[in-house]
């Protein structure tokens, strides 16, 4: 069985699966995606144009940090206030590493940028601890905000997303992306490719470079308005984005992607599909909906390519 799976993986990597993908594209069909839960929203129409297990409740890892940012900004806490990393901000759940050592002091704004852009866990923890009432009050505010947004299947237990009990659905996360997109600071921080931070060291100051955790932002080939990644073993690879594809504003949510690069590949498949659907790739004509009738009634609607017929041919029945 392992050998079969390995051969399948090799075939995919060599491009042997591309003909099937090309056939689906030529027919105007949606792509097959690796992520276990997906939703793509056409923001102009306010409708889902792709959905796969959109109501499945699952861990969301560091997508949680998007709600952390919304709560911090809604509270209008001063972004220039200095916050310190303490022993309480260490990760005792997953044991992840951080370059923000104990005693590091940064402004709330810089902590927020590192939490969003680089998914810095100690920065996100410090943001929750420095909320009025501390971390318990902050988590309560996160859950209140979720209810306010109508995220009925969402629950938060910390500000980092390290705990797998932070759960949501692809459908709910669309509402969180919309709320985050309403904050210019979140749009700016999540779409920055990198950021330099001056950190006080024991003997001298150091300048640390942090990069965006979303390779699509760093590549610069997308028009991205908001981005957040996430990963823990229980959640798989996750990604949420607001982007403009072929002039169409969309929200993309990808949860529980099995491979390190599969969430990015899924996002690119979606992008290519939308561009193809609008006739902007490989000179393909736009896909259009065609009603298939049987006995005078609409039996189904299919997506086809090609020019509109000039006239309708009616079948005749010989008596």
C-alpha atoms as a PDB file:
ATOM      1  CA  UNK A   1       0.000   0.000   0.000  1.00  0.00           C
ATOM      2  CA  UNK A   2       2.814   2.408   0.884  1.00  0.00           C
ATOM      3  CA  UNK A   3       4.485   1.650  -2.434  1.00  0.00           C
ATOM      4  CA  UNK A   4       1.281   2.395  -4.320  1.00  0.00           C
ATOM      5  CA  UNK A   5       0.866   5.712  -2.504  1.00  0.00           C
ATOM      6  CA  UNK A   6       4.489   6.581  -3.198  1.00  0.00           C
ATOM      7  CA  UNK A   7       4.034   5.841  -6.921  1.00  0.00           C
ATOM      8  CA  UNK A   8       0.926   8.004  -6.996  1.00  0.00           C
ATOM      9  CA  UNK A   9       2.847  10.833  -5.383  1.00  0.00           C
ATOM     10  CA  UNK A  10       5.719  10.451  -7.861  1.00  0.00           C
ATOM     11  CA  UNK A  11       3.303  10.441 -10.771  1.00  0.00           C
ATOM     12  CA  UNK A  12       1.681  13.626  -9.541  1.00  0.00           C
ATOM     13  CA  UNK A  13       5.035  15.301  -9.047  1.00  0.00           C
ATOM     14  CA  UNK A  14       6.083  14.346 -12.607  1.00  0.00           C
ATOM     15  CA  UNK A  15       2.920  15.913 -13.973  1.00  0.00           C
ATOM     16  CA  UNK A  16       1.236  12.665 -15.025  1.00  0.00           C
ATOM     17  CA  UNK A  17      -1.967  13.826 -13.358  1.00  0.00           C
ATOM     18  CA  UNK A  18      -2.049  17.043 -15.396  1.00  0.00           C
ATOM     19  CA  UNK A  19      -4.095  15.689 -18.342  1.00  0.00           C
ATOM     20  CA  UNK A  20      -7.023  14.927 -16.046  1.00  0.00           C
ATOM     21  CA  UNK A  21      -6.751  18.400 -14.508  1.00  0.00           C
ATOM     22  CA  UNK A  22      -6.596  19.936 -17.977  1.00  0.00           C
ATOM     23  CA  UNK A  23      -9.699  17.988 -19.027  1.00  0.00           C
ATOM     24  CA  UNK A  24     -11.597  19.266 -16.005  1.00  0.00           C
ATOM     25  CA  UNK A  25     -10.485  22.811 -16.808  1.00  0.00           C
ATOM     26  CA  UNK A  26     -11.513  22.520 -20.453  1.00  0.00           C
ATOM     27  CA  UNK A  27     -14.954  21.387 -19.324  1.00  0.00           C
ATOM     28  CA  UNK A  28     -15.234  24.312 -16.927  1.00  0.00           C
ATOM     29  CA  UNK A  29     -15.351  21.994 -13.910  1.00  0.00           C
ATOM     30  CA  UNK A  30     -14.040  23.038 -10.466  1.00  0.00           C
ATOM     31  CA  UNK A  31     -10.589  21.707  -9.547  1.00  0.00           C
ATOM     32  CA  UNK A  32     -10.005  18.794  -7.200  1.00  0.00           C
ATOM     33  CA  UNK A  33      -8.452  20.189  -4.023  1.00  0.00           C
ATOM     34  CA  UNK A  34      -6.365  18.485  -1.350  1.00  0.00           C
ATOM     35  CA  UNK A  35      -7.701  20.510   1.587  1.00  0.00           C
ATOM     36  CA  UNK A  36     -10.390  18.672   3.535  1.00  0.00           C
ATOM     37  CA  UNK A  37     -12.610  21.713   4.082  1.00  0.00           C
ATOM     38  CA  UNK A  38     -12.868  24.524   1.543  1.00  0.00           C
ATOM     39  CA  UNK A  39     -15.069  27.451   0.717  1.00  0.00           C
ATOM     40  CA  UNK A  40     -14.620  30.119  -1.947  1.00  0.00           C
ATOM     41  CA  UNK A  41     -16.905  33.140  -1.786  1.00  0.00           C
ATOM     42  CA  UNK A  42     -17.594  35.510  -4.670  1.00  0.00           C
ATOM     43  CA  UNK A  43     -17.826  38.743  -2.674  1.00  0.00           C
ATOM     44  CA  UNK A  44     -19.657  40.601  -5.428  1.00  0.00           C
ATOM     45  CA  UNK A  45     -22.468  38.041  -5.445  1.00  0.00           C
ATOM     46  CA  UNK A  46     -22.174  37.090  -1.773  1.00  0.00           C
ATOM     47  CA  UNK A  47     -22.357  33.429  -2.773  1.00  0.00           C
ATOM     48  CA  UNK A  48     -20.172  30.358  -2.516  1.00  0.00           C
ATOM     49  CA  UNK A  49     -18.737  29.327  -5.886  1.00  0.00           C
ATOM     50  CA  UNK A  50     -16.938  26.334  -4.387  1.00  0.00           C
ATOM     51  CA  UNK A  51     -17.578  24.422  -1.176  1.00  0.00           C
ATOM     52  CA  UNK A  52     -16.245  21.215   0.306  1.00  0.00           C
ATOM     53  CA  UNK A  53     -17.228  20.237   3.852  1.00  0.00           C
ATOM     54  CA  UNK A  54     -17.891  23.912   4.692  1.00  0.00           C
ATOM     55  CA  UNK A  55     -19.664  23.074   7.974  1.00  0.00           C
ATOM     56  CA  UNK A  56     -17.170  20.543   9.307  1.00  0.00           C
ATOM     57  CA  UNK A  57     -15.948  21.637  12.740  1.00  0.00           C
ATOM     58  CA  UNK A  58     -12.187  21.279  13.077  1.00  0.00           C
ATOM     59  CA  UNK A  59      -9.138  22.855  14.744  1.00  0.00           C
ATOM     60  CA  UNK A  60      -7.987  26.040  13.018  1.00  0.00           C
ATOM     61  CA  UNK A  61      -4.485  26.516  14.489  1.00  0.00           C
ATOM     62  CA  UNK A  62      -3.080  30.027  13.985  1.00  0.00           C
ATOM     63  CA  UNK A  63      -6.090  31.232  12.003  1.00  0.00           C
ATOM     64  CA  UNK A  64      -7.103  31.959  15.610  1.00  0.00           C
ATOM     65  CA  UNK A  65      -4.698  34.916  15.560  1.00  0.00           C
ATOM     66  CA  UNK A  66      -6.997  36.719  13.147  1.00  0.00           C
ATOM     67  CA  UNK A  67      -9.633  36.869  15.888  1.00  0.00           C
ATOM     68  CA  UNK A  68      -6.901  37.913  18.338  1.00  0.00           C
ATOM     69  CA  UNK A  69      -6.185  40.918  16.115  1.00  0.00           C
ATOM     70  CA  UNK A  70      -9.863  41.814  15.718  1.00  0.00           C
ATOM     71  CA  UNK A  71     -10.402  41.812  19.500  1.00  0.00           C
ATOM     72  CA  UNK A  72      -7.261  43.899  20.145  1.00  0.00           C
ATOM     73  CA  UNK A  73      -8.265  46.503  17.563  1.00  0.00           C
ATOM     74  CA  UNK A  74     -11.926  46.585  18.580  1.00  0.00           C
ATOM     75  CA  UNK A  75     -10.788  47.370  22.140  1.00  0.00           C
ATOM     76  CA  UNK A  76      -8.876  50.400  20.788  1.00  0.00           C
ATOM     77  CA  UNK A  77      -5.877  49.615  22.963  1.00  0.00           C
ATOM     78  CA  UNK A  78      -2.875  51.888  22.234  1.00  0.00           C
ATOM     79  CA  UNK A  79      -0.638  50.299  19.616  1.00  0.00           C
ATOM     80  CA  UNK A  80       2.407  52.187  20.910  1.00  0.00           C
ATOM     81  CA  UNK A  81       2.146  50.753  24.436  1.00  0.00           C
ATOM     82  CA  UNK A  82       5.167  48.544  25.267  1.00  0.00           C
ATOM     83  CA  UNK A  83       4.444  44.878  26.014  1.00  0.00           C
ATOM     84  CA  UNK A  84       6.915  42.425  27.513  1.00  0.00           C
ATOM     85  CA  UNK A  85       7.335  38.726  26.764  1.00  0.00           C
ATOM     86  CA  UNK A  86       7.326  36.705  29.989  1.00  0.00           C
ATOM     87  CA  UNK A  87       7.541  33.073  31.070  1.00  0.00           C
ATOM     88  CA  UNK A  88       3.747  32.890  30.731  1.00  0.00           C
ATOM     89  CA  UNK A  89       4.105  33.305  26.958  1.00  0.00           C
ATOM     90  CA  UNK A  90       6.168  30.137  26.498  1.00  0.00           C
ATOM     91  CA  UNK A  91       4.519  27.351  24.532  1.00  0.00           C
ATOM     92  CA  UNK A  92       3.899  24.473  26.931  1.00  0.00           C
ATOM     93  CA  UNK A  93       1.451  22.777  24.520  1.00  0.00           C
ATOM     94  CA  UNK A  94       3.479  22.176  21.378  1.00  0.00           C
ATOM     95  CA  UNK A  95       6.908  23.285  22.522  1.00  0.00           C
ATOM     96  CA  UNK A  96       7.372  25.639  19.586  1.00  0.00           C
ATOM     97  CA  UNK A  97      10.411  27.897  19.408  1.00  0.00           C
ATOM     98  CA  UNK A  98      10.412  31.699  19.249  1.00  0.00           C
ATOM     99  CA  UNK A  99      13.083  34.300  18.654  1.00  0.00           C
ATOM    100  CA  UNK A 100      11.310  36.630  21.072  1.00  0.00           C
ATOM    101  CA  UNK A 101      13.110  35.734  24.267  1.00  0.00           C
ATOM    102  CA  UNK A 102      11.792  36.288  27.772  1.00  0.00           C
ATOM    103  CA  UNK A 103      12.164  39.956  28.594  1.00  0.00           C
ATOM    104  CA  UNK A 104      11.745  41.151  25.006  1.00  0.00           C
ATOM    105  CA  UNK A 105       9.774  44.394  24.924  1.00  0.00           C
ATOM    106  CA  UNK A 106       7.954  45.528  21.799  1.00  0.00           C
ATOM    107  CA  UNK A 107       5.053  47.855  21.168  1.00  0.00           C
ATOM    108  CA  UNK A 108       1.577  46.362  20.958  1.00  0.00           C
ATOM    109  CA  UNK A 109       1.573  47.296  17.259  1.00  0.00           C
ATOM    110  CA  UNK A 110       4.774  45.338  16.573  1.00  0.00           C
ATOM    111  CA  UNK A 111       3.509  42.366  18.564  1.00  0.00           C
ATOM    112  CA  UNK A 112       0.334  42.467  16.493  1.00  0.00           C
ATOM    113  CA  UNK A 113       2.253  42.615  13.216  1.00  0.00           C
ATOM    114  CA  UNK A 114       4.470  39.665  14.152  1.00  0.00           C
ATOM    115  CA  UNK A 115       1.467  37.622  15.308  1.00  0.00           C
ATOM    116  CA  UNK A 116      -0.379  38.228  12.041  1.00  0.00           C
ATOM    117  CA  UNK A 117       2.426  38.312   9.476  1.00  0.00           C
ATOM    118  CA  UNK A 118       4.855  35.746  10.901  1.00  0.00           C
ATOM    119  CA  UNK A 119       2.376  33.872  13.124  1.00  0.00           C
ATOM    120  CA  UNK A 120       4.561  34.594  16.181  1.00  0.00           C
ATOM    121  CA  UNK A 121       3.075  32.666  19.106  1.00  0.00           C
ATOM    122  CA  UNK A 122       4.699  34.567  21.971  1.00  0.00           C
ATOM    123  CA  UNK A 123       3.567  37.839  20.426  1.00  0.00           C
ATOM    124  CA  UNK A 124      -0.016  36.567  20.252  1.00  0.00           C
ATOM    125  CA  UNK A 125       0.170  35.316  23.832  1.00  0.00           C
ATOM    126  CA  UNK A 126       1.480  38.676  25.052  1.00  0.00           C
ATOM    127  CA  UNK A 127      -1.379  40.446  23.294  1.00  0.00           C
ATOM    128  CA  UNK A 128      -3.904  38.324  25.179  1.00  0.00           C
ATOM    129  CA  UNK A 129      -2.162  38.736  28.543  1.00  0.00           C
ATOM    130  CA  UNK A 130      -2.032  42.533  28.253  1.00  0.00           C
ATOM    131  CA  UNK A 131      -5.770  42.799  27.607  1.00  0.00           C
ATOM    132  CA  UNK A 132      -7.776  44.361  30.480  1.00  0.00           C
ATOM    133  CA  UNK A 133      -8.570  41.409  32.753  1.00  0.00           C
ATOM    134  CA  UNK A 134      -5.760  39.283  31.314  1.00  0.00           C
ATOM    135  CA  UNK A 135      -5.964  36.171  29.151  1.00  0.00           C
ATOM    136  CA  UNK A 136      -9.279  34.829  30.563  1.00  0.00           C
ATOM    137  CA  UNK A 137     -11.026  38.109  29.755  1.00  0.00           C
ATOM    138  CA  UNK A 138      -9.412  38.162  26.331  1.00  0.00           C
ATOM    139  CA  UNK A 139     -10.603  34.650  25.436  1.00  0.00           C
ATOM    140  CA  UNK A 140     -14.100  35.578  26.639  1.00  0.00           C
ATOM    141  CA  UNK A 141     -13.995  38.626  24.349  1.00  0.00           C
ATOM    142  CA  UNK A 142     -12.930  36.408  21.449  1.00  0.00           C
ATOM    143  CA  UNK A 143     -15.925  34.136  21.944  1.00  0.00           C
ATOM    144  CA  UNK A 144     -18.296  37.084  22.343  1.00  0.00           C
ATOM    145  CA  UNK A 145     -17.038  38.502  19.072  1.00  0.00           C
ATOM    146  CA  UNK A 146     -17.524  35.136  17.383  1.00  0.00           C
ATOM    147  CA  UNK A 147     -21.144  35.065  18.521  1.00  0.00           C
ATOM    148  CA  UNK A 148     -21.607  38.669  17.423  1.00  0.00           C
ATOM    149  CA  UNK A 149     -20.374  37.745  13.947  1.00  0.00           C
ATOM    150  CA  UNK A 150     -22.715  34.752  13.789  1.00  0.00           C
ATOM    151  CA  UNK A 151     -19.916  32.180  14.019  1.00  0.00           C
ATOM    152  CA  UNK A 152     -22.110  29.571  15.658  1.00  0.00           C
ATOM    153  CA  UNK A 153     -19.740  26.624  15.337  1.00  0.00           C
ATOM    154  CA  UNK A 154     -16.636  28.431  16.570  1.00  0.00           C
ATOM    155  CA  UNK A 155     -14.909  28.258  19.944  1.00  0.00           C
ATOM    156  CA  UNK A 156     -11.691  29.846  21.177  1.00  0.00           C
ATOM    157  CA  UNK A 157      -9.610  28.849  24.188  1.00  0.00           C
ATOM    158  CA  UNK A 158      -6.444  30.902  23.699  1.00  0.00           C
ATOM    159  CA  UNK A 159      -5.005  33.761  21.640  1.00  0.00           C
ATOM    160  CA  UNK A 160      -2.381  31.729  19.753  1.00  0.00           C
ATOM    161  CA  UNK A 161      -4.209  28.780  18.199  1.00  0.00           C
ATOM    162  CA  UNK A 162      -1.730  26.290  19.655  1.00  0.00           C
ATOM    163  CA  UNK A 163      -4.509  24.525  21.539  1.00  0.00           C
ATOM    164  CA  UNK A 164      -6.467  22.183  19.226  1.00  0.00           C
ATOM    165  CA  UNK A 165      -9.647  23.143  21.092  1.00  0.00           C
ATOM    166  CA  UNK A 166      -9.710  26.349  19.042  1.00  0.00           C
ATOM    167  CA  UNK A 167     -12.234  25.151  16.462  1.00  0.00           C
ATOM    168  CA  UNK A 168     -14.349  26.568  13.668  1.00  0.00           C
ATOM    169  CA  UNK A 169     -15.709  25.789  10.207  1.00  0.00           C
ATOM    170  CA  UNK A 170     -14.780  27.074   6.771  1.00  0.00           C
ATOM    171  CA  UNK A 171     -18.189  28.719   6.594  1.00  0.00           C
ATOM    172  CA  UNK A 172     -17.699  30.533   9.916  1.00  0.00           C
ATOM    173  CA  UNK A 173     -14.209  31.693   8.987  1.00  0.00           C
ATOM    174  CA  UNK A 174     -15.592  33.613   6.018  1.00  0.00           C
ATOM    175  CA  UNK A 175     -17.240  35.893   8.578  1.00  0.00           C
ATOM    176  CA  UNK A 176     -13.980  36.286  10.472  1.00  0.00           C
ATOM    177  CA  UNK A 177     -12.120  37.209   7.274  1.00  0.00           C
ATOM    178  CA  UNK A 178     -14.795  39.796   6.499  1.00  0.00           C
ATOM    179  CA  UNK A 179     -14.472  41.261  10.001  1.00  0.00           C
ATOM    180  CA  UNK A 180     -10.674  41.327   9.761  1.00  0.00           C
ATOM    181  CA  UNK A 181     -10.793  42.936   6.337  1.00  0.00           C
ATOM    182  CA  UNK A 182     -12.700  45.814   7.893  1.00  0.00           C
ATOM    183  CA  UNK A 183      -9.539  46.804   9.798  1.00  0.00           C
ATOM    184  CA  UNK A 184      -6.920  48.556   7.609  1.00  0.00           C
ATOM    185  CA  UNK A 185      -4.226  47.566  10.132  1.00  0.00           C
ATOM    186  CA  UNK A 186      -5.005  43.875   9.640  1.00  0.00           C
ATOM    187  CA  UNK A 187      -4.994  44.250   5.857  1.00  0.00           C
ATOM    188  CA  UNK A 188      -1.622  45.985   6.016  1.00  0.00           C
ATOM    189  CA  UNK A 189       0.045  43.670   8.533  1.00  0.00           C
ATOM    190  CA  UNK A 190      -1.107  40.400   6.961  1.00  0.00           C
ATOM    191  CA  UNK A 191       0.050  41.373   3.476  1.00  0.00           C
ATOM    192  CA  UNK A 192       3.515  42.640   4.410  1.00  0.00           C
ATOM    193  CA  UNK A 193       6.220  40.382   2.962  1.00  0.00           C
ATOM    194  CA  UNK A 194       8.682  40.938   5.803  1.00  0.00           C
ATOM    195  CA  UNK A 195       9.414  43.108   8.818  1.00  0.00           C
ATOM    196  CA  UNK A 196      12.538  44.107  10.737  1.00  0.00           C
ATOM    197  CA  UNK A 197      12.362  44.328  14.512  1.00  0.00           C
ATOM    198  CA  UNK A 198      14.955  45.792  16.864  1.00  0.00           C
ATOM    199  CA  UNK A 199      15.174  43.498  19.879  1.00  0.00           C
ATOM    200  CA  UNK A 200      17.037  44.248  23.104  1.00  0.00           C
ATOM    201  CA  UNK A 201      19.650  41.547  23.680  1.00  0.00           C
ATOM    202  CA  UNK A 202      21.610  40.792  26.809  1.00  0.00           C
ATOM    203  CA  UNK A 203      24.673  42.696  25.597  1.00  0.00           C
ATOM    204  CA  UNK A 204      23.586  44.648  22.521  1.00  0.00           C
ATOM    205  CA  UNK A 205      20.606  45.372  20.356  1.00  0.00           C
ATOM    206  CA  UNK A 206      19.786  42.980  17.522  1.00  0.00           C
ATOM    207  CA  UNK A 207      17.703  43.450  14.405  1.00  0.00           C
ATOM    208  CA  UNK A 208      15.612  40.396  13.550  1.00  0.00           C
ATOM    209  CA  UNK A 209      13.999  39.794  10.188  1.00  0.00           C
ATOM    210  CA  UNK A 210      10.566  38.148  10.153  1.00  0.00           C
ATOM    211  CA  UNK A 211       8.914  36.907   6.960  1.00  0.00           C
ATOM    212  CA  UNK A 212       5.288  36.407   6.045  1.00  0.00           C
ATOM    213  CA  UNK A 213       4.211  32.828   6.690  1.00  0.00           C
ATOM    214  CA  UNK A 214       2.219  32.810   3.426  1.00  0.00           C
ATOM    215  CA  UNK A 215       4.503  32.133   0.474  1.00  0.00           C
ATOM    216  CA  UNK A 216       1.893  33.578  -1.906  1.00  0.00           C
ATOM    217  CA  UNK A 217       2.305  36.978  -0.265  1.00  0.00           C
ATOM    218  CA  UNK A 218       6.086  36.775  -0.562  1.00  0.00           C
ATOM    219  CA  UNK A 219       5.919  35.689  -4.211  1.00  0.00           C
ATOM    220  CA  UNK A 220       3.972  38.801  -5.166  1.00  0.00           C
ATOM    221  CA  UNK A 221       1.965  37.141  -7.955  1.00  0.00           C
ATOM    222  CA  UNK A 222      -1.388  37.521  -6.200  1.00  0.00           C
ATOM    223  CA  UNK A 223      -3.472  40.600  -5.393  1.00  0.00           C
ATOM    224  CA  UNK A 224      -4.032  39.721  -1.726  1.00  0.00           C
ATOM    225  CA  UNK A 225      -6.013  41.949   0.623  1.00  0.00           C
ATOM    226  CA  UNK A 226      -5.774  39.788   3.758  1.00  0.00           C
ATOM    227  CA  UNK A 227      -3.917  36.602   4.616  1.00  0.00           C
ATOM    228  CA  UNK A 228      -3.452  34.225   7.546  1.00  0.00           C
ATOM    229  CA  UNK A 229      -1.887  30.800   7.755  1.00  0.00           C
ATOM    230  CA  UNK A 230      -2.086  28.143  10.446  1.00  0.00           C
ATOM    231  CA  UNK A 231      -0.603  24.797  11.348  1.00  0.00           C
ATOM    232  CA  UNK A 232      -0.669  22.294  14.177  1.00  0.00           C
ATOM    233  CA  UNK A 233      -0.747  18.543  13.660  1.00  0.00           C
ATOM    234  CA  UNK A 234      -4.433  18.299  14.626  1.00  0.00           C
ATOM    235  CA  UNK A 235      -5.461  21.048  12.184  1.00  0.00           C
ATOM    236  CA  UNK A 236      -3.227  20.325   9.223  1.00  0.00           C
ATOM    237  CA  UNK A 237      -2.140  23.212   7.011  1.00  0.00           C
ATOM    238  CA  UNK A 238      -4.673  26.027   6.942  1.00  0.00           C
ATOM    239  CA  UNK A 239      -4.996  29.244   4.960  1.00  0.00           C
ATOM    240  CA  UNK A 240      -7.536  32.048   4.730  1.00  0.00           C
ATOM    241  CA  UNK A 241      -7.302  34.910   2.261  1.00  0.00           C
ATOM    242  CA  UNK A 242      -9.177  37.789   0.761  1.00  0.00           C
ATOM    243  CA  UNK A 243      -7.909  38.347  -2.750  1.00  0.00           C
ATOM    244  CA  UNK A 244      -8.820  39.755  -6.128  1.00  0.00           C
ATOM    245  CA  UNK A 245      -8.650  37.207  -8.942  1.00  0.00           C
ATOM    246  CA  UNK A 246      -9.247  38.458 -12.479  1.00  0.00           C
ATOM    247  CA  UNK A 247     -10.966  41.578 -11.034  1.00  0.00           C
ATOM    248  CA  UNK A 248     -13.241  39.343  -8.935  1.00  0.00           C
ATOM    249  CA  UNK A 249     -12.971  39.852  -5.134  1.00  0.00           C
ATOM    250  CA  UNK A 250     -13.055  36.499  -3.363  1.00  0.00           C
ATOM    251  CA  UNK A 251     -12.600  34.977   0.079  1.00  0.00           C
ATOM    252  CA  UNK A 252     -10.781  31.637   0.182  1.00  0.00           C
ATOM    253  CA  UNK A 253     -10.736  29.327   3.213  1.00  0.00           C
ATOM    254  CA  UNK A 254      -8.628  26.146   3.110  1.00  0.00           C
ATOM    255  CA  UNK A 255      -8.543  23.890   6.185  1.00  0.00           C
ATOM    256  CA  UNK A 256      -6.749  20.640   7.010  1.00  0.00           C
ATOM    257  CA  UNK A 257      -4.501  20.456   3.990  1.00  0.00           C
ATOM    258  CA  UNK A 258      -2.337  17.343   4.241  1.00  0.00           C
ATOM    259  CA  UNK A 259       0.976  18.472   2.691  1.00  0.00           C
ATOM    260  CA  UNK A 260       3.330  21.318   3.466  1.00  0.00           C
ATOM    261  CA  UNK A 261       2.702  22.969   0.099  1.00  0.00           C
ATOM    262  CA  UNK A 262      -0.768  21.638  -0.696  1.00  0.00           C
ATOM    263  CA  UNK A 263      -2.655  24.656   0.689  1.00  0.00           C
ATOM    264  CA  UNK A 264      -0.662  26.940  -1.621  1.00  0.00           C
ATOM    265  CA  UNK A 265      -1.203  24.558  -4.533  1.00  0.00           C
ATOM    266  CA  UNK A 266      -4.942  24.502  -3.759  1.00  0.00           C
ATOM    267  CA  UNK A 267      -5.042  28.300  -3.717  1.00  0.00           C
ATOM    268  CA  UNK A 268      -3.275  28.431  -7.078  1.00  0.00           C
ATOM    269  CA  UNK A 269      -5.683  25.830  -8.498  1.00  0.00           C
ATOM    270  CA  UNK A 270      -8.595  28.010  -7.390  1.00  0.00           C
ATOM    271  CA  UNK A 271      -6.986  31.083  -8.933  1.00  0.00           C
ATOM    272  CA  UNK A 272      -6.384  29.302 -12.231  1.00  0.00           C
ATOM    273  CA  UNK A 273      -9.923  27.923 -12.243  1.00  0.00           C
ATOM    274  CA  UNK A 274     -11.495  31.358 -11.709  1.00  0.00           C
ATOM    275  CA  UNK A 275      -9.273  32.929 -14.358  1.00  0.00           C
ATOM    276  CA  UNK A 276     -10.131  30.107 -16.760  1.00  0.00           C
ATOM    277  CA  UNK A 277     -13.822  30.426 -15.950  1.00  0.00           C
ATOM    278  CA  UNK A 278     -13.640  34.067 -17.033  1.00  0.00           C
ATOM    279  CA  UNK A 279     -11.777  33.204 -20.220  1.00  0.00           C
ATOM    280  CA  UNK A 280      -8.489  34.778 -19.131  1.00  0.00           C
ATOM    281  CA  UNK A 281      -6.211  31.715 -19.335  1.00  0.00           C
ATOM    282  CA  UNK A 282      -4.833  29.936 -22.410  1.00  0.00           C
ATOM    283  CA  UNK A 283      -7.327  31.718 -24.672  1.00  0.00           C
ATOM    284  CA  UNK A 284     -10.124  29.543 -23.363  1.00  0.00           C
ATOM    285  CA  UNK A 285     -13.595  31.025 -23.862  1.00  0.00           C
ATOM    286  CA  UNK A 286     -15.508  31.826 -20.674  1.00  0.00           C
ATOM    287  CA  UNK A 287     -17.529  29.009 -19.156  1.00  0.00           C
ATOM    288  CA  UNK A 288     -21.260  29.541 -19.158  1.00  0.00           C
ATOM    289  CA  UNK A 289     -24.259  27.839 -17.598  1.00  0.00           C
ATOM    290  CA  UNK A 290     -26.474  25.793 -19.861  1.00  0.00           C
ATOM    291  CA  UNK A 291     -29.832  24.347 -18.888  1.00  0.00           C
ATOM    292  CA  UNK A 292     -30.432  20.763 -19.949  1.00  0.00           C
ATOM    293  CA  UNK A 293     -34.121  20.110 -20.496  1.00  0.00           C
ATOM    294  CA  UNK A 294     -35.984  16.848 -20.482  1.00  0.00           C
ATOM    295  CA  UNK A 295     -39.675  16.641 -21.171  1.00  0.00           C
ATOM    296  CA  UNK A 296     -39.938  20.424 -21.126  1.00  0.00           C
ATOM    297  CA  UNK A 297     -38.406  20.715 -17.668  1.00  0.00           C
ATOM    298  CA  UNK A 298     -34.940  21.778 -16.576  1.00  0.00           C
ATOM    299  CA  UNK A 299     -33.188  18.569 -15.551  1.00  0.00           C
ATOM    300  CA  UNK A 300     -29.796  20.044 -14.603  1.00  0.00           C
ATOM    301  CA  UNK A 301     -27.440  22.945 -15.193  1.00  0.00           C
ATOM    302  CA  UNK A 302     -23.968  22.294 -16.560  1.00  0.00           C
ATOM    303  CA  UNK A 303     -20.929  24.491 -17.256  1.00  0.00           C
ATOM    304  CA  UNK A 304     -19.687  24.482 -20.858  1.00  0.00           C
ATOM    305  CA  UNK A 305     -17.288  26.491 -22.976  1.00  0.00           C
ATOM    306  CA  UNK A 306     -17.668  27.815 -26.487  1.00  0.00           C
ATOM    307  CA  UNK A 307     -19.725  30.492 -28.209  1.00  0.00           C
ATOM    308  CA  UNK A 308     -23.433  30.865 -27.724  1.00  0.00           C
ATOM    309  CA  UNK A 309     -25.420  29.102 -30.460  1.00  0.00           C
ATOM    310  CA  UNK A 310     -27.040  31.509 -32.919  1.00  0.00           C
ATOM    311  CA  UNK A 311     -30.313  29.653 -32.884  1.00  0.00           C
ATOM    312  CA  UNK A 312     -31.996  26.882 -30.945  1.00  0.00           C
ATOM    313  CA  UNK A 313     -32.557  23.606 -32.723  1.00  0.00           C
ATOM    314  CA  UNK A 314     -35.702  21.822 -31.729  1.00  0.00           C
ATOM    315  CA  UNK A 315     -36.008  18.118 -32.133  1.00  0.00           C
ATOM    316  CA  UNK A 316     -39.064  16.908 -34.017  1.00  0.00           C
ATOM    317  CA  UNK A 317     -40.914  13.687 -33.391  1.00  0.00           C
ATOM    318  CA  UNK A 318     -42.145  11.663 -36.331  1.00  0.00           C
ATOM    319  CA  UNK A 319     -45.651  10.349 -35.967  1.00  0.00           C
END
